[in-house]
PDB file of N, CA and C in Angstrom:
ATOM      1  N   MET A   1      73.150  83.913  99.457  1.00  0.00           N
ATOM      2  CA  MET A   1      73.646  85.388  98.811  1.00  0.00           C
ATOM      3  C   MET A   1      75.347  85.176  98.299  1.00  0.00           C
ATOM      4  N   VAL A   2      75.090  85.172  97.219  1.00  0.00           N
ATOM      5  CA  VAL A   2      76.380  85.739  96.217  1.00  0.00           C
ATOM      6  C   VAL A   2      77.302  86.863  97.935  1.00  0.00           C
ATOM      7  N   THR A   3      77.676  87.126  97.809  1.00  0.00           N
ATOM      8  CA  THR A   3      78.450  88.300  98.671  1.00  0.00           C
ATOM      9  C   THR A   3      78.706  87.260 100.006  1.00  0.00           C
ATOM     10  N   GLU A   4      77.642  86.927 100.362  1.00  0.00           N
ATOM     11  CA  GLU A   4      78.478  85.584 102.146  1.00  0.00           C
ATOM     12  C   GLU A   4      78.686  84.820 100.742  1.00  0.00           C
ATOM     13  N   ASP A   5      78.394  84.109 100.013  1.00  0.00           N
ATOM     14  CA  ASP A   5      79.529  83.099  99.080  1.00  0.00           C
ATOM     15  C   ASP A   5      80.872  83.393  98.656  1.00  0.00           C
ATOM     16  N   VAL A   6      80.820  84.607  98.359  1.00  0.00           N
ATOM     17  CA  VAL A   6      82.200  85.173  98.037  1.00  0.00           C
ATOM     18  C   VAL A   6      83.887  84.837  98.710  1.00  0.00           C
ATOM     19  N   LEU A   7      82.858  85.503 100.064  1.00  0.00           N
ATOM     20  CA  LEU A   7      83.565  85.907 100.979  1.00  0.00           C
ATOM     21  C   LEU A   7      83.976  84.811 102.276  1.00  0.00           C
ATOM     22  N   ASN A   8      82.758  83.192 101.366  1.00  0.00           N
ATOM     23  CA  ASN A   8      82.977  82.308 101.816  1.00  0.00           C
ATOM     24  C   ASN A   8      84.049  81.746 101.234  1.00  0.00           C
ATOM     25  N   LEU A   9      83.618  81.907  99.628  1.00  0.00           N
ATOM     26  CA  LEU A   9      84.840  81.220  98.974  1.00  0.00           C
ATOM     27  C   LEU A   9      86.494  81.756  99.383  1.00  0.00           C
ATOM     28  N   ILE A  10      86.576  83.421  99.194  1.00  0.00           N
ATOM     29  CA  ILE A  10      88.266  83.631  99.488  1.00  0.00           C
ATOM     30  C   ILE A  10      88.663  83.106 100.825  1.00  0.00           C
ATOM     31  N   SER A  11      87.561  83.063 101.463  1.00  0.00           N
ATOM     32  CA  SER A  11      88.797  82.019 103.150  1.00  0.00           C
ATOM     33  C   SER A  11      88.803  80.782 102.884  1.00  0.00           C
ATOM     34  N   GLU A  12      88.004  79.894 102.099  1.00  0.00           N
ATOM     35  CA  GLU A  12      88.341  78.710 101.396  1.00  0.00           C
ATOM     36  C   GLU A  12      89.375  78.821 101.007  1.00  0.00           C
ATOM     37  N   ALA A  13      89.314  79.412  99.972  1.00  0.00           N
ATOM     38  CA  ALA A  13      90.748  79.384  98.942  1.00  0.00           C
ATOM     39  C   ALA A  13      92.093  79.830 100.283  1.00  0.00           C
ATOM     40  N   LEU A  14      92.037  80.677 100.530  1.00  0.00           N
ATOM     41  CA  LEU A  14      93.278  81.571 101.626  1.00  0.00           C
ATOM     42  C   LEU A  14      93.774  79.901 102.850  1.00  0.00           C
ATOM     43  N   GLU A  15      92.990  80.007 103.681  1.00  0.00           N
ATOM     44  CA  GLU A  15      92.660  79.544 104.537  1.00  0.00           C
ATOM     45  C   GLU A  15      93.100  79.734 105.413  1.00  0.00           C
ATOM     46  N   ILE A  16      91.786  80.687 105.438  1.00  0.00           N
ATOM     47  CA  ILE A  16      91.905  81.487 106.683  1.00  0.00           C
ATOM     48  C   ILE A  16      90.743  81.544 107.956  1.00  0.00           C
ATOM     49  N   THR A  17      90.613  81.291 108.631  1.00  0.00           N
ATOM     50  CA  THR A  17      88.498  81.301 109.589  1.00  0.00           C
ATOM     51  C   THR A  17      87.507  82.231 108.419  1.00  0.00           C
ATOM     52  N   ASN A  18      86.759  81.846 108.706  1.00  0.00           N
ATOM     53  CA  ASN A  18      85.320  82.172 108.578  1.00  0.00           C
ATOM     54  C   ASN A  18      85.105  83.357 109.130  1.00  0.00           C
ATOM     55  N   GLY A  19      85.032  84.823 108.059  1.00  0.00           N
ATOM     56  CA  GLY A  19      84.097  85.966 108.897  1.00  0.00           C
ATOM     57  C   GLY A  19      85.672  86.648 109.351  1.00  0.00           C
ATOM     58  N   SER A  20      86.598  86.814 109.004  1.00  0.00           N
ATOM     59  CA  SER A  20      88.170  86.729 109.125  1.00  0.00           C
ATOM     60  C   SER A  20      88.263  88.317 108.839  1.00  0.00           C
ATOM     61  N   ILE A  21      87.848  88.033 107.119  1.00  0.00           N
ATOM     62  CA  ILE A  21      87.105  88.710 106.705  1.00  0.00           C
ATOM     63  C   ILE A  21      86.152  89.888 106.329  1.00  0.00           C
ATOM     64  N   SER A  22      86.148  91.277 105.953  1.00  0.00           N
ATOM     65  CA  SER A  22      84.560  92.047 105.900  1.00  0.00           C
ATOM     66  C   SER A  22      84.904  92.414 104.088  1.00  0.00           C
ATOM     67  N   LEU A  23      83.685  93.068 103.916  1.00  0.00           N
ATOM     68  CA  LEU A  23      83.544  93.916 102.537  1.00  0.00           C
ATOM     69  C   LEU A  23      84.937  95.238 102.959  1.00  0.00           C
ATOM     70  N   GLU A  24      84.959  95.153 103.721  1.00  0.00           N
ATOM     71  CA  GLU A  24      85.993  96.574 104.179  1.00  0.00           C
ATOM     72  C   GLU A  24      87.539  96.389 104.153  1.00  0.00           C
ATOM     73  N   THR A  25      87.375  94.824 104.364  1.00  0.00           N
ATOM     74  CA  THR A  25      89.264  93.990 104.212  1.00  0.00           C
ATOM     75  C   THR A  25      89.834  95.428 103.249  1.00  0.00           C
ATOM     76  N   ASN A  26      90.701  95.432 103.735  1.00  0.00           N
ATOM     77  CA  ASN A  26      92.274  95.702 101.891  1.00  0.00           C
ATOM     78  C   ASN A  26      93.108  94.295 101.996  1.00  0.00           C
ATOM     79  N   VAL A  27      92.615  94.242 100.881  1.00  0.00           N
ATOM     80  CA  VAL A  27      93.237  92.931 100.704  1.00  0.00           C
ATOM     81  C   VAL A  27      95.366  93.162 100.609  1.00  0.00           C
ATOM     82  N   GLY A  28      95.550  93.465 100.521  1.00  0.00           N
ATOM     83  CA  GLY A  28      97.006  94.122 100.724  1.00  0.00           C
ATOM     84  C   GLY A  28      97.580  93.909 102.486  1.00  0.00           C
ATOM     85  N   GLU A  29      96.525  93.524 103.409  1.00  0.00           N
ATOM     86  CA  GLU A  29      96.165  93.492 104.868  1.00  0.00           C
ATOM     87  C   GLU A  29      96.319  92.007 105.272  1.00  0.00           C
ATOM     88  N   VAL A  30      95.816  91.220 104.416  1.00  0.00           N
ATOM     89  CA  VAL A  30      95.686  89.944 105.000  1.00  0.00           C
ATOM     90  C   VAL A  30      96.740  88.748 103.887  1.00  0.00           C
ATOM     91  N   ALA A  31      97.785  88.239 104.705  1.00  0.00           N
ATOM     92  CA  ALA A  31      98.498  88.425 104.873  1.00  0.00           C
ATOM     93  C   ALA A  31      99.076  86.036 103.377  1.00  0.00           C
ATOM     94  N   GLU A  32      97.992  85.876 103.685  1.00  0.00           N
ATOM     95  CA  GLU A  32      97.902  84.911 103.299  1.00  0.00           C
ATOM     96  C   GLU A  32      97.431  85.507 101.301  1.00  0.00           C
ATOM     97  N   TRP A  33      96.685  87.133 101.135  1.00  0.00           N
ATOM     98  CA  TRP A  33      96.718  86.727 100.141  1.00  0.00           C
ATOM     99  C   TRP A  33      97.593  87.343  98.888  1.00  0.00           C
ATOM    100  N   ASP A  34      98.586  86.182  98.535  1.00  0.00           N
ATOM    101  CA  ASP A  34      99.155  86.723  97.886  1.00  0.00           C
ATOM    102  C   ASP A  34      99.413  86.119  96.345  1.00  0.00           C
ATOM    103  N   SER A  35     100.729  86.337  95.433  1.00  0.00           N
ATOM    104  CA  SER A  35     100.503  85.733  94.033  1.00  0.00           C
ATOM    105  C   SER A  35      99.194  84.320  93.720  1.00  0.00           C
ATOM    106  N   ILE A  36      99.886  83.726  94.881  1.00  0.00           N
ATOM    107  CA  ILE A  36      99.062  82.013  94.493  1.00  0.00           C
ATOM    108  C   ILE A  36      98.016  82.032  95.398  1.00  0.00           C
ATOM    109  N   GLY A  37      97.714  82.993  96.257  1.00  0.00           N
ATOM    110  CA  GLY A  37      96.253  83.284  96.980  1.00  0.00           C
ATOM    111  C   GLY A  37      95.612  84.207  95.850  1.00  0.00           C
ATOM    112  N   TRP A  38      96.144  84.499  94.910  1.00  0.00           N
ATOM    113  CA  TRP A  38      94.908  85.336  93.561  1.00  0.00           C
ATOM    114  C   TRP A  38      94.487  84.373  92.916  1.00  0.00           C
ATOM    115  N   LEU A  39      95.571  83.275  92.755  1.00  0.00           N
ATOM    116  CA  LEU A  39      95.490  82.140  91.704  1.00  0.00           C
ATOM    117  C   LEU A  39      93.834  81.350  92.031  1.00  0.00           C
ATOM    118  N   THR A  40      94.850  81.026  93.349  1.00  0.00           N
ATOM    119  CA  THR A  40      93.330  80.391  93.500  1.00  0.00           C
ATOM    120  C   THR A  40      92.091  80.770  93.548  1.00  0.00           C
ATOM    121  N   ILE A  41      91.850  81.962  93.928  1.00  0.00           N
ATOM    122  CA  ILE A  41      90.421  83.096  94.326  1.00  0.00           C
ATOM    123  C   ILE A  41      90.451  82.290  93.147  1.00  0.00           C
ATOM    124  N   ILE A  42      90.607  82.745  91.933  1.00  0.00           N
ATOM    125  CA  ILE A  42      90.580  83.390  90.936  1.00  0.00           C
ATOM    126  C   ILE A  42      89.707  82.053  89.932  1.00  0.00           C
ATOM    127  N   SER A  43      90.582  81.041  90.963  1.00  0.00           N
ATOM    128  CA  SER A  43      90.738  79.634  89.557  1.00  0.00           C
ATOM    129  C   SER A  43      88.521  79.525  90.284  1.00  0.00           C
ATOM    130  N   MET A  44      88.768  79.168  91.875  1.00  0.00           N
ATOM    131  CA  MET A  44      87.674  78.737  91.862  1.00  0.00           C
ATOM    132  C   MET A  44      86.690  79.673  91.995  1.00  0.00           C
ATOM    133  N   LEU A  45      86.671  81.267  91.937  1.00  0.00           N
ATOM    134  CA  LEU A  45      85.072  81.895  90.963  1.00  0.00           C
ATOM    135  C   LEU A  45      84.792  81.157  89.687  1.00  0.00           C
ATOM    136  N   ASP A  46      86.266  80.909  89.280  1.00  0.00           N
ATOM    137  CA  ASP A  46      85.510  80.165  87.628  1.00  0.00           C
ATOM    138  C   ASP A  46      84.413  78.917  88.270  1.00  0.00           C
ATOM    139  N   GLU A  47      85.481  78.283  88.729  1.00  0.00           N
ATOM    140  CA  GLU A  47      85.017  77.056  88.570  1.00  0.00           C
ATOM    141  C   GLU A  47      83.115  77.279  89.270  1.00  0.00           C
ATOM    142  N   ARG A  48      82.968  77.801  90.522  1.00  0.00           N
ATOM    143  CA  ARG A  48      81.700  77.776  91.073  1.00  0.00           C
ATOM    144  C   ARG A  48      80.555  78.637  90.949  1.00  0.00           C
ATOM    145  N   TYR A  49      81.116  80.027  89.439  1.00  0.00           N
ATOM    146  CA  TYR A  49      80.341  80.910  88.835  1.00  0.00           C
ATOM    147  C   TYR A  49      80.768  80.957  87.019  1.00  0.00           C
ATOM    148  N   GLY A  50      81.636  80.663  87.045  1.00  0.00           N
ATOM    149  CA  GLY A  50      81.474  80.337  84.975  1.00  0.00           C
ATOM    150  C   GLY A  50      82.267  82.014  84.835  1.00  0.00           C
ATOM    151  N   ILE A  51      83.354  82.475  85.741  1.00  0.00           N
ATOM    152  CA  ILE A  51      83.989  84.246  84.836  1.00  0.00           C
ATOM    153  C   ILE A  51      84.849  84.097  84.985  1.00  0.00           C
ATOM    154  N   GLN A  52      85.873  84.894  84.479  1.00  0.00           N
ATOM    155  CA  GLN A  52      86.868  85.224  84.392  1.00  0.00           C
ATOM    156  C   GLN A  52      87.845  86.462  84.945  1.00  0.00           C
ATOM    157  N   ILE A  53      88.732  86.666  85.513  1.00  0.00           N
ATOM    158  CA  ILE A  53      88.492  87.750  86.038  1.00  0.00           C
ATOM    159  C   ILE A  53      89.845  88.559  85.055  1.00  0.00           C
ATOM    160  N   SER A  54      90.706  89.470  84.564  1.00  0.00           N
ATOM    161  CA  SER A  54      91.377  89.140  84.210  1.00  0.00           C
ATOM    162  C   SER A  54      93.016  90.255  85.069  1.00  0.00           C
ATOM    163  N   SER A  55      93.861  90.154  84.871  1.00  0.00           N
ATOM    164  CA  SER A  55      95.313  91.029  85.446  1.00  0.00           C
ATOM    165  C   SER A  55      94.608  92.128  85.491  1.00  0.00           C
ATOM    166  N   GLN A  56      94.352  92.421  84.610  1.00  0.00           N
ATOM    167  CA  GLN A  56      94.293  93.922  84.514  1.00  0.00           C
ATOM    168  C   GLN A  56      93.106  94.513  85.577  1.00  0.00           C
ATOM    169  N   GLU A  57      91.633  93.522  85.735  1.00  0.00           N
ATOM    170  CA  GLU A  57      90.949  93.559  86.448  1.00  0.00           C
ATOM    171  C   GLU A  57      91.990  93.171  87.662  1.00  0.00           C
ATOM    172  N   ILE A  58      92.441  92.911  88.789  1.00  0.00           N
ATOM    173  CA  ILE A  58      92.605  92.948  89.570  1.00  0.00           C
ATOM    174  C   ILE A  58      93.324  93.432  90.359  1.00  0.00           C
ATOM    175  N   ARG A  59      94.550  94.708  88.705  1.00  0.00           N
ATOM    176  CA  ARG A  59      94.871  95.564  89.470  1.00  0.00           C
ATOM    177  C   ARG A  59      94.342  96.707  90.172  1.00  0.00           C
ATOM    178  N   THR A  60      93.105  96.659  90.174  1.00  0.00           N
ATOM    179  CA  THR A  60      91.798  97.901  90.048  1.00  0.00           C
ATOM    180  C   THR A  60      91.407  97.158  91.995  1.00  0.00           C
ATOM    181  N   ILE A  61      91.023  96.187  92.118  1.00  0.00           N
ATOM    182  CA  ILE A  61      90.551  95.039  93.756  1.00  0.00           C
ATOM    183  C   ILE A  61      91.840  96.081  95.044  1.00  0.00           C
ATOM    184  N   LYS A  62      91.345  96.875  95.381  1.00  0.00           N
ATOM    185  CA  LYS A  62      91.951  97.264  96.759  1.00  0.00           C
ATOM    186  C   LYS A  62      91.240  96.358  98.321  1.00  0.00           C
ATOM    187  N   LYS A  63      90.318  96.763  97.968  1.00  0.00           N
ATOM    188  CA  LYS A  63      89.402  96.097  99.123  1.00  0.00           C
ATOM    189  C   LYS A  63      87.835  94.288  98.239  1.00  0.00           C
ATOM    190  N   VAL A  64      87.733  93.974  99.337  1.00  0.00           N
ATOM    191  CA  VAL A  64      87.546  92.298  99.128  1.00  0.00           C
ATOM    192  C   VAL A  64      85.903  92.805  98.483  1.00  0.00           C
ATOM    193  N   LYS A  65      85.566  94.303  98.805  1.00  0.00           N
ATOM    194  CA  LYS A  65      84.486  94.908  98.345  1.00  0.00           C
ATOM    195  C   LYS A  65      84.502  94.736  96.661  1.00  0.00           C
ATOM    196  N   ASP A  66      85.392  95.113  96.683  1.00  0.00           N
ATOM    197  CA  ASP A  66      86.008  95.420  95.075  1.00  0.00           C
ATOM    198  C   ASP A  66      85.927  94.684  94.241  1.00  0.00           C
ATOM    199  N   LEU A  67      86.200  93.279  94.686  1.00  0.00           N
ATOM    200  CA  LEU A  67      86.280  91.644  94.401  1.00  0.00           C
ATOM    201  C   LEU A  67      84.609  91.226  94.333  1.00  0.00           C
ATOM    202  N   VAL A  68      83.920  91.580  94.991  1.00  0.00           N
ATOM    203  CA  VAL A  68      82.987  91.136  94.947  1.00  0.00           C
ATOM    204  C   VAL A  68      81.951  92.038  94.475  1.00  0.00           C
ATOM    205  N   ASP A  69      82.291  93.631  94.067  1.00  0.00           N
ATOM    206  CA  ASP A  69      81.626  93.935  93.116  1.00  0.00           C
ATOM    207  C   ASP A  69      81.579  93.302  91.607  1.00  0.00           C
ATOM    208  N   LEU A  70      83.369  93.256  91.789  1.00  0.00           N
ATOM    209  CA  LEU A  70      83.323  92.444  90.802  1.00  0.00           C
ATOM    210  C   LEU A  70      82.837  91.865  90.196  1.00  0.00           C
ATOM    211  N   VAL A  71      82.608  90.415  90.725  1.00  0.00           N
ATOM    212  CA  VAL A  71      81.513  89.083  90.660  1.00  0.00           C
ATOM    213  C   VAL A  71      80.173  89.569  90.046  1.00  0.00           C
ATOM    214  N   LEU A  72      79.992  90.199  91.431  1.00  0.00           N
ATOM    215  CA  LEU A  72      78.553  90.836  90.603  1.00  0.00           C
ATOM    216  C   LEU A  72      77.942  91.401  89.393  1.00  0.00           C
ATOM    217  N   THR A  73      78.969  91.803  89.519  1.00  0.00           N
ATOM    218  CA  THR A  73      79.314  92.580  88.145  1.00  0.00           C
ATOM    219  C   THR A  73      79.267  90.904  86.721  1.00  0.00           C
ATOM    220  N   LYS A  74      79.966  90.876  86.620  1.00  0.00           N
ATOM    221  CA  LYS A  74      79.863  89.694  86.334  1.00  0.00           C
ATOM    222  C   LYS A  74      79.512  88.706  85.606  1.00  0.00           C
ATOM    223  N   LYS A  75      78.838  88.583  87.149  1.00  0.00           N
ATOM    224  CA  LYS A  75      77.619  87.351  87.019  1.00  0.00           C
ATOM    225  C   LYS A  75      76.464  87.448  86.564  1.00  0.00           C
ATOM    226  N   GLY A  76      76.094  88.956  87.050  1.00  0.00           N
ATOM    227  CA  GLY A  76      74.727  89.837  86.186  1.00  0.00           C
ATOM    228  C   GLY A  76      74.039  89.876  87.394  1.00  0.00           C
ATOM    229  N   SER A  77      73.832  90.195  88.302  1.00  0.00           N
ATOM    230  CA  SER A  77      73.215  89.569  89.462  1.00  0.00           C
ATOM    231  C   SER A  77      73.112  91.294  90.006  1.00  0.00           C
TER     232      SER A  77
END
């Protein structure tokens, strides 16, 4: 399932424990989710799914669910 895969990808990118974030997690509440964290996540999403996320799109993401929904939309699932 893509949702679970994206959650695992985020955890890996931010070097945090799997399961420590959920769809309802606010991005701003995760200390590791800084500008370097974003770059790592975006790079891994591009590598894994072949999708690019613009800086304008990043600004709209407030919760993990927003990022998962964007990935699903761009992936066409």
